Protein backbone atom coordinates (compact mmCIF):
# COMPACT_ATOMS: atom_id res chain seq x y z
CA MET A 1 -86.51 -126.09 -51.67
CA VAL A 2 -85.73 -123.47 -54.81
CA VAL A 3 -85.11 -124.67 -58.40
CA VAL A 4 -83.85 -121.75 -60.83
CA ALA A 5 -85.65 -123.56 -64.27
CA SER A 6 -82.70 -122.13 -66.50
CA GLU A 7 -79.17 -123.77 -67.38
CA ILE A 8 -76.12 -123.54 -65.95
CA ASP A 9 -73.58 -121.46 -68.34
CA GLY A 10 -70.85 -123.75 -69.37
CA ASP A 11 -69.65 -127.39 -67.41
CA PRO A 12 -72.14 -127.83 -64.15
CA GLU A 13 -69.25 -129.06 -62.09
CA ALA A 14 -67.04 -126.44 -63.00
CA TRP A 15 -69.96 -123.90 -61.78
CA LEU A 16 -70.52 -125.77 -58.39
CA GLU A 17 -66.47 -125.86 -57.63
CA ARG A 18 -66.55 -121.97 -58.02
CA ILE A 19 -69.70 -121.72 -55.95
CA ARG A 20 -68.03 -123.38 -53.15
CA LYS A 21 -64.74 -121.11 -52.94
CA ASN A 22 -66.71 -118.05 -54.17
CA GLY A 23 -68.38 -116.77 -50.77
CA SER A 24 -69.85 -114.04 -52.27
CA GLU A 25 -71.17 -115.72 -55.23
CA ARG A 26 -72.41 -118.51 -52.99
CA ASP A 27 -73.89 -116.01 -50.42
CA ALA A 28 -75.75 -113.83 -53.37
CA LEU A 29 -77.42 -117.52 -54.76
CA VAL A 30 -78.19 -118.54 -50.62
CA GLU A 31 -79.78 -115.22 -50.22
CA ARG A 32 -81.82 -115.14 -53.91
CA GLY A 33 -83.31 -119.03 -52.88
CA LEU A 34 -84.31 -117.12 -49.68
CA ALA A 35 -86.15 -114.37 -51.12
CA CYS A 36 -88.05 -116.69 -53.41
CA ILE A 37 -89.04 -118.79 -50.34
CA ARG A 38 -89.60 -115.50 -47.98
CA ARG A 39 -92.70 -114.86 -50.64
CA ALA A 40 -94.21 -117.96 -50.46
CA VAL A 41 -94.11 -117.83 -47.03
CA GLY A 42 -95.43 -114.36 -46.37
CA ALA A 43 -98.62 -115.72 -48.98
CA ARG A 44 -99.21 -118.61 -46.81
CA ARG A 45 -98.98 -116.17 -43.78
CA ILE A 46 -101.83 -114.00 -45.33
CA THR A 47 -103.77 -116.79 -46.85
CA ALA A 48 -103.66 -118.90 -43.47
CA THR A 49 -104.13 -115.77 -41.53
CA ASP A 50 -101.63 -116.78 -39.13
CA PRO A 51 -98.98 -114.40 -37.96
CA ALA A 52 -97.35 -117.30 -35.95
CA ILE A 53 -95.17 -118.36 -39.42
CA ALA A 54 -92.14 -116.68 -39.44
CA ASP A 55 -90.03 -115.78 -42.11
CA PRO A 56 -87.06 -118.19 -42.70
CA SER A 57 -83.09 -117.13 -42.42
CA VAL A 58 -79.81 -118.07 -42.69
CA GLU A 59 -79.81 -118.15 -38.81
CA SER A 60 -82.36 -120.71 -38.32
CA ALA A 61 -81.49 -123.14 -41.06
CA LEU A 62 -80.51 -126.59 -40.32
CA ALA A 63 -78.87 -127.31 -43.64
CA ILE A 64 -78.57 -125.14 -46.73
CA ARG A 65 -77.03 -127.09 -50.10
CA ILE A 66 -76.71 -125.37 -53.41
CA GLY A 67 -76.36 -128.40 -56.29
CA PHE A 68 -77.63 -128.89 -59.44
CA GLY A 69 -79.65 -131.70 -61.40
CA GLU A 70 -82.70 -132.44 -64.21
CA GLY A 71 -86.04 -130.87 -63.49
CA ASP A 72 -88.01 -134.20 -62.36
CA GLU A 73 -85.10 -135.25 -60.48
CA LEU A 74 -85.02 -131.99 -58.49
CA VAL A 75 -88.87 -132.06 -57.66
CA GLU A 76 -88.05 -135.25 -56.20
CA ARG A 77 -85.29 -133.78 -54.65
CA GLN A 78 -82.68 -135.67 -55.93
CA TRP A 79 -79.26 -133.94 -56.74
CA GLU A 80 -77.06 -134.71 -59.33
CA GLN A 81 -74.30 -133.10 -57.43
CA ALA A 82 -74.55 -130.52 -54.18
CA ILE A 83 -72.76 -129.46 -51.68
CA ASP A 84 -73.55 -127.89 -48.28
CA VAL A 85 -73.36 -124.40 -47.54
CA PRO A 86 -71.30 -123.48 -44.63
CA LEU A 87 -73.10 -122.36 -42.04
CA ASP A 88 -71.60 -119.38 -39.70
CA THR A 89 -69.82 -120.81 -37.10
CA GLN A 90 -67.13 -117.64 -36.14
CA ARG A 91 -67.07 -118.04 -32.50
CA ALA A 92 -68.22 -114.71 -30.86
CA SER A 93 -66.56 -113.46 -27.39
CA ARG A 94 -67.46 -114.06 -24.03
CA SER A 95 -69.18 -110.75 -23.59
CA GLU A 96 -70.53 -111.00 -26.45
CA VAL A 97 -72.44 -114.37 -25.92
CA LEU A 98 -73.30 -113.49 -22.31
CA ARG A 99 -74.53 -110.44 -23.08
CA PRO A 100 -77.35 -111.19 -24.58
CA GLN A 101 -78.44 -113.85 -21.73
CA GLU A 102 -78.03 -111.40 -19.26
CA ARG A 103 -80.44 -109.35 -21.09
CA MET A 104 -82.83 -111.77 -21.68
CA ALA A 105 -82.85 -113.02 -17.70
CA ALA A 106 -83.26 -109.19 -16.83
CA LEU A 107 -86.61 -109.44 -18.99
CA LEU A 108 -87.75 -112.44 -18.16
CA GLY A 109 -87.05 -111.42 -14.25
CA ASN A 110 -89.07 -108.45 -14.89
CA ARG A 111 -85.32 -106.27 -13.90
CA ASP A 112 -85.95 -104.58 -17.34
CA THR A 113 -88.29 -103.69 -20.05
CA PRO A 114 -87.86 -104.01 -23.80
CA LEU A 115 -87.80 -100.94 -25.72
CA ALA A 116 -91.16 -100.58 -28.22
CA CYS A 117 -88.66 -99.41 -30.94
CA GLU A 118 -86.89 -102.98 -30.80
CA GLU A 119 -89.33 -105.25 -31.60
CA LEU A 120 -90.69 -102.81 -34.22
CA VAL A 121 -87.18 -102.17 -35.80
CA LEU A 122 -87.09 -106.10 -36.23
CA ARG A 123 -90.31 -106.34 -37.86
CA ALA A 124 -89.45 -103.38 -40.15
CA ARG A 125 -86.36 -105.57 -40.89
CA ALA A 126 -87.88 -108.93 -41.86
CA ASP A 127 -89.88 -106.71 -44.54
CA THR A 128 -86.85 -105.75 -46.04
CA LEU A 129 -85.34 -108.81 -46.30
CA ALA A 130 -88.50 -110.28 -47.63
CA GLY A 131 -88.64 -107.30 -50.27
CA ARG A 132 -91.87 -105.90 -48.47
CA ASP A 133 -91.16 -102.40 -49.56
CA ARG A 134 -94.04 -100.69 -48.63
CA GLU A 135 -94.77 -102.99 -45.44
CA ALA A 136 -91.06 -101.98 -44.24
CA ALA A 137 -92.02 -97.96 -45.03
CA LEU A 138 -95.08 -98.48 -42.67
CA GLN A 139 -92.85 -100.30 -39.86
CA VAL A 140 -90.38 -97.87 -40.57
CA ARG A 141 -92.46 -95.20 -39.57
CA VAL A 142 -93.88 -95.64 -36.29
CA GLY A 143 -90.50 -97.64 -35.35
CA LEU A 144 -88.81 -94.30 -35.86
CA GLU A 145 -90.98 -92.73 -33.99
CA ALA A 146 -91.00 -94.79 -31.02
CA LEU A 147 -87.14 -95.08 -30.86
CA LEU A 148 -87.34 -91.41 -30.86
CA ALA A 149 -90.16 -91.40 -27.91
CA GLU A 150 -87.91 -93.55 -26.34
CA ARG A 151 -84.39 -91.75 -27.00
CA SER A 152 -84.10 -91.38 -23.05
CA ARG A 153 -83.13 -94.78 -22.72
CA LEU A 154 -80.83 -94.73 -25.84
CA THR A 155 -78.31 -92.08 -24.81
CA GLY A 156 -74.92 -92.93 -24.30
CA HIS A 157 -71.24 -92.32 -26.22
CA GLY A 158 -71.70 -92.13 -30.19
CA GLN A 159 -75.54 -91.99 -29.65
CA GLU A 160 -76.69 -87.94 -29.82
CA GLU A 161 -75.39 -87.59 -33.87
CA ASP A 162 -77.84 -90.82 -35.43
CA LEU A 163 -80.34 -89.55 -33.07
CA ALA A 164 -80.11 -86.25 -34.60
CA ALA A 165 -80.45 -87.35 -38.07
CA LEU A 166 -82.85 -89.98 -37.37
CA ASP A 167 -84.85 -86.56 -36.24
CA GLU A 168 -84.08 -85.12 -39.57
CA ARG A 169 -85.65 -87.69 -41.11
CA ARG A 170 -88.96 -88.29 -39.70
CA LYS A 171 -90.20 -85.76 -42.18
CA ALA A 172 -88.84 -88.05 -45.39
CA THR A 173 -89.84 -91.68 -43.58
CA GLY A 174 -93.76 -90.50 -42.63
CA ASP A 175 -93.80 -89.25 -46.75
CA ALA A 176 -92.22 -92.50 -47.92
CA ALA A 177 -94.65 -94.43 -45.52
CA ASN A 178 -97.73 -92.31 -47.32
CA GLU A 179 -96.35 -92.66 -50.56
CA ALA A 180 -96.34 -96.56 -49.48
CA LEU A 181 -100.10 -96.53 -48.83
CA GLN A 182 -101.02 -96.05 -52.55
CA GLY A 183 -98.60 -97.99 -54.08
CA PRO A 184 -95.21 -98.80 -54.38
CA LEU A 185 -92.28 -97.16 -53.80
CA PRO A 186 -90.11 -95.69 -56.06
CA ALA A 187 -86.66 -97.34 -55.98
CA GLU A 188 -85.03 -93.52 -54.49
CA ARG A 189 -87.83 -93.85 -51.90
CA ALA A 190 -86.96 -97.66 -50.62
CA THR A 191 -83.35 -96.37 -50.87
CA GLU A 192 -84.27 -93.77 -48.08
CA VAL A 193 -86.02 -96.53 -46.14
CA GLU A 194 -82.99 -98.46 -45.77
CA GLU A 195 -81.56 -95.68 -45.07
CA THR A 196 -83.21 -94.98 -41.92
CA LEU A 197 -83.85 -98.83 -40.68
CA ALA A 198 -79.80 -98.73 -41.29
CA ILE A 199 -79.55 -95.61 -38.16
CA CYS A 200 -81.89 -97.01 -36.13
CA GLU A 201 -80.49 -100.65 -35.94
CA ARG A 202 -77.26 -98.94 -35.25
CA VAL A 203 -78.54 -97.44 -32.73
CA LEU A 204 -79.94 -100.21 -30.59
CA ARG A 205 -76.59 -102.26 -31.48
CA ARG A 206 -74.79 -99.68 -30.07
CA ARG A 207 -77.19 -99.57 -26.88
CA ALA A 208 -76.74 -103.34 -26.87
CA ALA A 209 -72.69 -103.17 -27.09
CA HIS A 210 -72.36 -100.57 -24.33
CA GLY A 211 -74.94 -102.65 -21.95
CA TRP A 212 -78.39 -101.67 -20.81
CA GLU A 213 -79.89 -100.53 -17.94
CA ALA A 214 -82.14 -102.07 -15.53
CA THR A 215 -85.78 -100.22 -15.13
């Protein structure tokens, strides 16, 4: 539970009703809360030296609530008023549902092998979501190199342009990683890392959308 220790401007009930109706403002509050929790979880993972402690996400949440109350009551998880944030219930198409299941079955049945870059890119995204810019820069560097080394399994319609763009970003990505070893990244460097990561993700999503090939 994340408590923001500041007063709500105006009528709290009107504020909560606005949050209920305004999806973008509601999502921003949820992400703000998740960012706080990820920092705490990251600290716990390091102090416990336990890599199995995972960062939280909206997708893994059983319920999400936003509300207001007074200090001591909130500490005891007693809201004055609260709303449940609707989880994403948008139905995917049958093909979208089945494709990950088919790939998982292939992986478990040794008819396909995962790409090293798939796991590395996911780890980089987890770092960016948690605000770990230095770690993200280091992960993106390794993930990018792995992706380019595995490019023979990433060919297909629309891939060449993004793969060429990633080739051009290798030096900048390496420079960002070297800077991350020295300390916090400047904002423009962090933006470069995020842009490179987004291209890597797009390449992998396109491969998933067009299907995978058993190896």
